């Protein structure tokens, strides 16, 4: 992930955070990760979780599926 960051536009921005939030974010980081990398990893995880939740909701909708015996 670090290598890809070097190839992208290096423009940065400042996001105001409370110190407690910054400290919690730092605790979620892995050795050598910067805040951008931590946030990107967490966003990927959140997107995956959201996708999986949508799939689970679809599975609960029995009307969306046809049983094999009906085929």
PDB file of N, CA and C in Angstrom:
ATOM      1  N   UNK A   1       0.828  -1.186   0.000  1.00  0.00           N
ATOM      2  CA  UNK A   1       0.000   0.000   0.000  1.00  0.00           C
ATOM      3  C   UNK A   1       0.879   1.259   0.000  1.00  0.00           C
ATOM      4  N   UNK A   2       1.978   1.226   0.682  1.00  0.00           N
ATOM      5  CA  UNK A   2       2.859   2.387   0.727  1.00  0.00           C
ATOM      6  C   UNK A   2       3.343   2.766  -0.672  1.00  0.00           C
ATOM      7  N   UNK A   3       3.745   1.786  -1.457  1.00  0.00           N
ATOM      8  CA  UNK A   3       4.275   2.045  -2.783  1.00  0.00           C
ATOM      9  C   UNK A   3       3.237   2.735  -3.650  1.00  0.00           C
ATOM     10  N   UNK A   4       1.988   2.307  -3.596  1.00  0.00           N
ATOM     11  CA  UNK A   4       0.926   2.922  -4.386  1.00  0.00           C
ATOM     12  C   UNK A   4       0.741   4.384  -4.001  1.00  0.00           C
ATOM     13  N   UNK A   5       0.878   4.712  -2.725  1.00  0.00           N
ATOM     14  CA  UNK A   5       0.688   6.087  -2.283  1.00  0.00           C
ATOM     15  C   UNK A   5       1.695   7.024  -2.938  1.00  0.00           C
ATOM     16  N   UNK A   6       2.888   6.554  -3.198  1.00  0.00           N
ATOM     17  CA  UNK A   6       3.914   7.395  -3.796  1.00  0.00           C
ATOM     18  C   UNK A   6       3.582   7.734  -5.246  1.00  0.00           C
ATOM     19  N   UNK A   7       2.821   6.881  -5.907  1.00  0.00           N
ATOM     20  CA  UNK A   7       2.496   7.098  -7.305  1.00  0.00           C
ATOM     21  C   UNK A   7       1.309   8.038  -7.487  1.00  0.00           C
ATOM     22  N   UNK A   8       0.517   8.236  -6.462  1.00  0.00           N
ATOM     23  CA  UNK A   8      -0.668   9.092  -6.533  1.00  0.00           C
ATOM     24  C   UNK A   8      -0.308  10.544  -6.287  1.00  0.00           C
ATOM     25  N   UNK A   9      -1.266  11.405  -6.585  1.00  0.00           N
ATOM     26  CA  UNK A   9      -1.123  12.824  -6.270  1.00  0.00           C
ATOM     27  C   UNK A   9      -0.829  12.944  -4.775  1.00  0.00           C
ATOM     28  N   UNK A  10       0.133  13.734  -4.425  1.00  0.00           N
ATOM     29  CA  UNK A  10       0.540  13.827  -3.024  1.00  0.00           C
ATOM     30  C   UNK A  10      -0.142  14.969  -2.289  1.00  0.00           C
ATOM     31  N   UNK A  11      -1.211  15.508  -2.858  1.00  0.00           N
ATOM     32  CA  UNK A  11      -1.942  16.566  -2.161  1.00  0.00           C
ATOM     33  C   UNK A  11      -2.490  16.021  -0.854  1.00  0.00           C
ATOM     34  N   UNK A  12      -2.404  16.802   0.186  1.00  0.00           N
ATOM     35  CA  UNK A  12      -2.925  16.380   1.482  1.00  0.00           C
ATOM     36  C   UNK A  12      -3.885  17.431   2.002  1.00  0.00           C
ATOM     37  N   UNK A  13      -4.600  17.051   3.028  1.00  0.00           N
ATOM     38  CA  UNK A  13      -5.537  17.958   3.673  1.00  0.00           C
ATOM     39  C   UNK A  13      -5.453  17.730   5.174  1.00  0.00           C
ATOM     40  N   UNK A  14      -6.022  18.623   5.907  1.00  0.00           N
ATOM     41  CA  UNK A  14      -6.061  18.504   7.360  1.00  0.00           C
ATOM     42  C   UNK A  14      -7.502  18.269   7.781  1.00  0.00           C
ATOM     43  N   UNK A  15      -7.695  17.270   8.605  1.00  0.00           N
ATOM     44  CA  UNK A  15      -9.023  16.965   9.141  1.00  0.00           C
ATOM     45  C   UNK A  15      -8.966  17.208  10.644  1.00  0.00           C
ATOM     46  N   UNK A  16      -9.758  18.130  11.155  1.00  0.00           N
ATOM     47  CA  UNK A  16      -9.728  18.367  12.600  1.00  0.00           C
ATOM     48  C   UNK A  16     -10.323  17.180  13.365  1.00  0.00           C
ATOM     49  N   UNK A  17      -9.591  16.705  14.341  1.00  0.00           N
ATOM     50  CA  UNK A  17     -10.027  15.599  15.194  1.00  0.00           C
ATOM     51  C   UNK A  17      -9.790  15.967  16.647  1.00  0.00           C
ATOM     52  N   UNK A  18     -10.624  15.431  17.499  1.00  0.00           N
ATOM     53  CA  UNK A  18     -10.328  15.553  18.920  1.00  0.00           C
ATOM     54  C   UNK A  18      -9.128  14.671  19.215  1.00  0.00           C
ATOM     55  N   UNK A  19      -8.360  15.032  20.222  1.00  0.00           N
ATOM     56  CA  UNK A  19      -7.163  14.254  20.556  1.00  0.00           C
ATOM     57  C   UNK A  19      -7.503  12.805  20.874  1.00  0.00           C
ATOM     58  N   UNK A  20      -8.632  12.593  21.529  1.00  0.00           N
ATOM     59  CA  UNK A  20      -9.040  11.225  21.859  1.00  0.00           C
ATOM     60  C   UNK A  20      -9.259  10.401  20.583  1.00  0.00           C
ATOM     61  N   UNK A  21      -9.883  11.018  19.577  1.00  0.00           N
ATOM     62  CA  UNK A  21     -10.117  10.330  18.305  1.00  0.00           C
ATOM     63  C   UNK A  21      -8.794  10.009  17.627  1.00  0.00           C
ATOM     64  N   UNK A  22      -7.890  10.963  17.600  1.00  0.00           N
ATOM     65  CA  UNK A  22      -6.568  10.741  17.018  1.00  0.00           C
ATOM     66  C   UNK A  22      -5.838   9.605  17.727  1.00  0.00           C
ATOM     67  N   UNK A  23      -5.930   9.587  19.058  1.00  0.00           N
ATOM     68  CA  UNK A  23      -5.250   8.550  19.821  1.00  0.00           C
ATOM     69  C   UNK A  23      -5.847   7.173  19.551  1.00  0.00           C
ATOM     70  N   UNK A  24      -7.171   7.118  19.423  1.00  0.00           N
ATOM     71  CA  UNK A  24      -7.826   5.839  19.105  1.00  0.00           C
ATOM     72  C   UNK A  24      -7.429   5.373  17.706  1.00  0.00           C
ATOM     73  N   UNK A  25      -7.350   6.308  16.769  1.00  0.00           N
ATOM     74  CA  UNK A  25      -6.936   5.979  15.413  1.00  0.00           C
ATOM     75  C   UNK A  25      -5.510   5.437  15.416  1.00  0.00           C
ATOM     76  N   UNK A  26      -4.654   6.078  16.173  1.00  0.00           N
ATOM     77  CA  UNK A  26      -3.264   5.622  16.281  1.00  0.00           C
ATOM     78  C   UNK A  26      -3.199   4.187  16.822  1.00  0.00           C
ATOM     79  N   UNK A  27      -4.053   3.859  17.789  1.00  0.00           N
ATOM     80  CA  UNK A  27      -4.072   2.506  18.345  1.00  0.00           C
ATOM     81  C   UNK A  27      -4.503   1.460  17.317  1.00  0.00           C
ATOM     82  N   UNK A  28      -5.303   1.873  16.340  1.00  0.00           N
ATOM     83  CA  UNK A  28      -5.758   0.953  15.300  1.00  0.00           C
ATOM     84  C   UNK A  28      -4.721   0.745  14.203  1.00  0.00           C
ATOM     85  N   UNK A  29      -3.692   1.578  14.205  1.00  0.00           N
ATOM     86  CA  UNK A  29      -2.654   1.483  13.183  1.00  0.00           C
ATOM     87  C   UNK A  29      -1.724   0.314  13.406  1.00  0.00           C
ATOM     88  N   UNK A  30      -1.103  -0.082  12.316  1.00  0.00           N
ATOM     89  CA  UNK A  30      -0.081  -1.124  12.355  1.00  0.00           C
ATOM     90  C   UNK A  30       1.278  -0.444  12.248  1.00  0.00           C
ATOM     91  N   UNK A  31       2.309  -1.152  12.626  1.00  0.00           N
ATOM     92  CA  UNK A  31       3.660  -0.581  12.605  1.00  0.00           C
ATOM     93  C   UNK A  31       3.981  -0.039  11.214  1.00  0.00           C
ATOM     94  N   UNK A  32       4.409   1.212  11.152  1.00  0.00           N
ATOM     95  CA  UNK A  32       4.811   1.828   9.908  1.00  0.00           C
ATOM     96  C   UNK A  32       3.683   2.484   9.122  1.00  0.00           C
ATOM     97  N   UNK A  33       2.418   2.307   9.540  1.00  0.00           N
ATOM     98  CA  UNK A  33       1.298   2.923   8.823  1.00  0.00           C
ATOM     99  C   UNK A  33       1.153   4.386   9.206  1.00  0.00           C
ATOM    100  N   UNK A  34       0.846   5.204   8.215  1.00  0.00           N
ATOM    101  CA  UNK A  34       0.506   6.584   8.517  1.00  0.00           C
ATOM    102  C   UNK A  34      -1.020   6.680   8.639  1.00  0.00           C
ATOM    103  N   UNK A  35      -1.514   7.854   9.013  1.00  0.00           N
ATOM    104  CA  UNK A  35      -2.957   7.992   9.232  1.00  0.00           C
ATOM    105  C   UNK A  35      -3.761   7.716   7.965  1.00  0.00           C
ATOM    106  N   UNK A  36      -3.252   8.132   6.820  1.00  0.00           N
ATOM    107  CA  UNK A  36      -3.958   7.885   5.564  1.00  0.00           C
ATOM    108  C   UNK A  36      -4.114   6.382   5.332  1.00  0.00           C
ATOM    109  N   UNK A  37      -3.069   5.633   5.566  1.00  0.00           N
ATOM    110  CA  UNK A  37      -3.121   4.181   5.362  1.00  0.00           C
ATOM    111  C   UNK A  37      -4.067   3.514   6.358  1.00  0.00           C
ATOM    112  N   UNK A  38      -4.045   3.977   7.596  1.00  0.00           N
ATOM    113  CA  UNK A  38      -4.956   3.421   8.608  1.00  0.00           C
ATOM    114  C   UNK A  38      -6.401   3.664   8.186  1.00  0.00           C
ATOM    115  N   UNK A  39      -6.710   4.895   7.800  1.00  0.00           N
ATOM    116  CA  UNK A  39      -8.077   5.227   7.408  1.00  0.00           C
ATOM    117  C   UNK A  39      -8.515   4.458   6.165  1.00  0.00           C
ATOM    118  N   UNK A  40      -7.639   4.314   5.182  1.00  0.00           N
ATOM    119  CA  UNK A  40      -7.990   3.557   3.973  1.00  0.00           C
ATOM    120  C   UNK A  40      -8.284   2.096   4.302  1.00  0.00           C
ATOM    121  N   UNK A  41      -7.468   1.511   5.175  1.00  0.00           N
ATOM    122  CA  UNK A  41      -7.693   0.117   5.571  1.00  0.00           C
ATOM    123  C   UNK A  41      -9.025  -0.023   6.301  1.00  0.00           C
ATOM    124  N   UNK A  42      -9.316   0.901   7.204  1.00  0.00           N
ATOM    125  CA  UNK A  42     -10.577   0.851   7.939  1.00  0.00           C
ATOM    126  C   UNK A  42     -11.777   1.062   7.022  1.00  0.00           C
ATOM    127  N   UNK A  43     -11.629   1.939   6.022  1.00  0.00           N
ATOM    128  CA  UNK A  43     -12.728   2.158   5.074  1.00  0.00           C
ATOM    129  C   UNK A  43     -12.986   0.912   4.237  1.00  0.00           C
ATOM    130  N   UNK A  44     -11.930   0.227   3.809  1.00  0.00           N
ATOM    131  CA  UNK A  44     -12.107  -1.019   3.060  1.00  0.00           C
ATOM    132  C   UNK A  44     -12.845  -2.052   3.909  1.00  0.00           C
ATOM    133  N   UNK A  45     -12.457  -2.141   5.172  1.00  0.00           N
ATOM    134  CA  UNK A  45     -13.118  -3.073   6.082  1.00  0.00           C
ATOM    135  C   UNK A  45     -14.595  -2.715   6.242  1.00  0.00           C
ATOM    136  N   UNK A  46     -14.887  -1.428   6.432  1.00  0.00           N
ATOM    137  CA  UNK A  46     -16.279  -0.982   6.599  1.00  0.00           C
ATOM    138  C   UNK A  46     -17.092  -1.252   5.336  1.00  0.00           C
ATOM    139  N   UNK A  47     -16.503  -1.013   4.160  1.00  0.00           N
ATOM    140  CA  UNK A  47     -17.203  -1.283   2.904  1.00  0.00           C
ATOM    141  C   UNK A  47     -17.495  -2.764   2.751  1.00  0.00           C
ATOM    142  N   UNK A  48     -16.554  -3.605   3.133  1.00  0.00           N
ATOM    143  CA  UNK A  48     -16.754  -5.061   3.068  1.00  0.00           C
ATOM    144  C   UNK A  48     -17.876  -5.481   4.016  1.00  0.00           C
ATOM    145  N   UNK A  49     -17.849  -4.957   5.221  1.00  0.00           N
ATOM    146  CA  UNK A  49     -18.885  -5.290   6.195  1.00  0.00           C
ATOM    147  C   UNK A  49     -20.262  -4.863   5.707  1.00  0.00           C
ATOM    148  N   UNK A  50     -20.347  -3.676   5.107  1.00  0.00           N
ATOM    149  CA  UNK A  50     -21.614  -3.185   4.583  1.00  0.00           C
ATOM    150  C   UNK A  50     -22.111  -4.077   3.444  1.00  0.00           C
ATOM    151  N   UNK A  51     -21.208  -4.479   2.560  1.00  0.00           N
ATOM    152  CA  UNK A  51     -21.556  -5.383   1.468  1.00  0.00           C
ATOM    153  C   UNK A  51     -22.084  -6.708   2.018  1.00  0.00           C
ATOM    154  N   UNK A  52     -21.384  -7.256   2.997  1.00  0.00           N
ATOM    155  CA  UNK A  52     -21.797  -8.545   3.569  1.00  0.00           C
ATOM    156  C   UNK A  52     -23.160  -8.428   4.252  1.00  0.00           C
ATOM    157  N   UNK A  53     -23.415  -7.323   4.905  1.00  0.00           N
ATOM    158  CA  UNK A  53     -24.713  -7.110   5.548  1.00  0.00           C
ATOM    159  C   UNK A  53     -25.828  -7.061   4.504  1.00  0.00           C
ATOM    160  N   UNK A  54     -25.583  -6.394   3.384  1.00  0.00           N
ATOM    161  CA  UNK A  54     -26.588  -6.354   2.305  1.00  0.00           C
ATOM    162  C   UNK A  54     -26.855  -7.749   1.757  1.00  0.00           C
ATOM    163  N   UNK A  55     -25.807  -8.544   1.603  1.00  0.00           N
ATOM    164  CA  UNK A  55     -25.982  -9.910   1.096  1.00  0.00           C
ATOM    165  C   UNK A  55     -26.776 -10.750   2.093  1.00  0.00           C
ATOM    166  N   UNK A  56     -26.497 -10.593   3.358  1.00  0.00           N
ATOM    167  CA  UNK A  56     -27.226 -11.325   4.397  1.00  0.00           C
ATOM    168  C   UNK A  56     -28.706 -10.951   4.370  1.00  0.00           C
ATOM    169  N   UNK A  57     -28.997  -9.670   4.201  1.00  0.00           N
ATOM    170  CA  UNK A  57     -30.393  -9.223   4.122  1.00  0.00           C
ATOM    171  C   UNK A  57     -31.087  -9.828   2.910  1.00  0.00           C
ATOM    172  N   UNK A  58     -30.382  -9.931   1.796  1.00  0.00           N
ATOM    173  CA  UNK A  58     -30.959 -10.561   0.600  1.00  0.00           C
ATOM    174  C   UNK A  58     -31.267 -12.023   0.860  1.00  0.00           C
ATOM    175  N   UNK A  59     -30.388 -12.711   1.569  1.00  0.00           N
ATOM    176  CA  UNK A  59     -30.609 -14.130   1.862  1.00  0.00           C
ATOM    177  C   UNK A  59     -31.835 -14.341   2.749  1.00  0.00           C
ATOM    178  N   UNK A  60     -32.126 -13.364   3.594  1.00  0.00           N
ATOM    179  CA  UNK A  60     -33.297 -13.484   4.469  1.00  0.00           C
ATOM    180  C   UNK A  60     -34.600 -13.321   3.692  1.00  0.00           C
ATOM    181  N   UNK A  61     -34.539 -12.721   2.500  1.00  0.00           N
ATOM    182  CA  UNK A  61     -35.726 -12.520   1.673  1.00  0.00           C
ATOM    183  C   UNK A  61     -35.989 -13.794   0.878  1.00  0.00           C
ATOM    184  N   UNK A  62     -36.798 -14.660   1.424  1.00  0.00           N
ATOM    185  CA  UNK A  62     -37.073 -15.963   0.810  1.00  0.00           C
ATOM    186  C   UNK A  62     -37.729 -15.832  -0.561  1.00  0.00           C
ATOM    187  N   UNK A  63     -38.457 -14.732  -0.809  1.00  0.00           N
ATOM    188  CA  UNK A  63     -39.138 -14.544  -2.084  1.00  0.00           C
ATOM    189  C   UNK A  63     -38.157 -14.327  -3.238  1.00  0.00           C
ATOM    190  N   UNK A  64     -36.945 -13.961  -2.929  1.00  0.00           N
ATOM    191  CA  UNK A  64     -35.954 -13.675  -3.960  1.00  0.00           C
ATOM    192  C   UNK A  64     -35.330 -14.943  -4.533  1.00  0.00           C
ATOM    193  N   UNK A  65     -35.646 -16.094  -3.947  1.00  0.00           N
ATOM    194  CA  UNK A  65     -35.015 -17.349  -4.374  1.00  0.00           C
ATOM    195  C   UNK A  65     -36.065 -18.380  -4.768  1.00  0.00           C
ATOM    196  N   UNK A  66     -35.659 -19.295  -5.625  1.00  0.00           N
ATOM    197  CA  UNK A  66     -36.509 -20.398  -6.044  1.00  0.00           C
ATOM    198  C   UNK A  66     -35.841 -21.676  -5.565  1.00  0.00           C
ATOM    199  N   UNK A  67     -36.627 -22.572  -4.979  1.00  0.00           N
ATOM    200  CA  UNK A  67     -36.021 -23.818  -4.505  1.00  0.00           C
ATOM    201  C   UNK A  67     -35.639 -24.687  -5.688  1.00  0.00           C
ATOM    202  N   UNK A  68     -34.683 -25.562  -5.475  1.00  0.00           N
ATOM    203  CA  UNK A  68     -34.234 -26.443  -6.547  1.00  0.00           C
ATOM    204  C   UNK A  68     -35.364 -27.360  -7.040  1.00  0.00           C
ATOM    205  N   UNK A  69     -36.262 -27.747  -6.144  1.00  0.00           N
ATOM    206  CA  UNK A  69     -37.362 -28.626  -6.545  1.00  0.00           C
ATOM    207  C   UNK A  69     -38.336 -27.924  -7.488  1.00  0.00           C
ATOM    208  N   UNK A  70     -38.375 -26.588  -7.471  1.00  0.00           N
ATOM    209  CA  UNK A  70     -39.259 -25.828  -8.341  1.00  0.00           C
ATOM    210  C   UNK A  70     -38.674 -25.643  -9.744  1.00  0.00           C
ATOM    211  N   UNK A  71     -37.417 -25.972  -9.916  1.00  0.00           N
ATOM    212  CA  UNK A  71     -36.780 -25.792 -11.216  1.00  0.00           C
ATOM    213  C   UNK A  71     -37.138 -26.890 -12.111  1.00  0.00           C
TER     214      UNK A  71
END
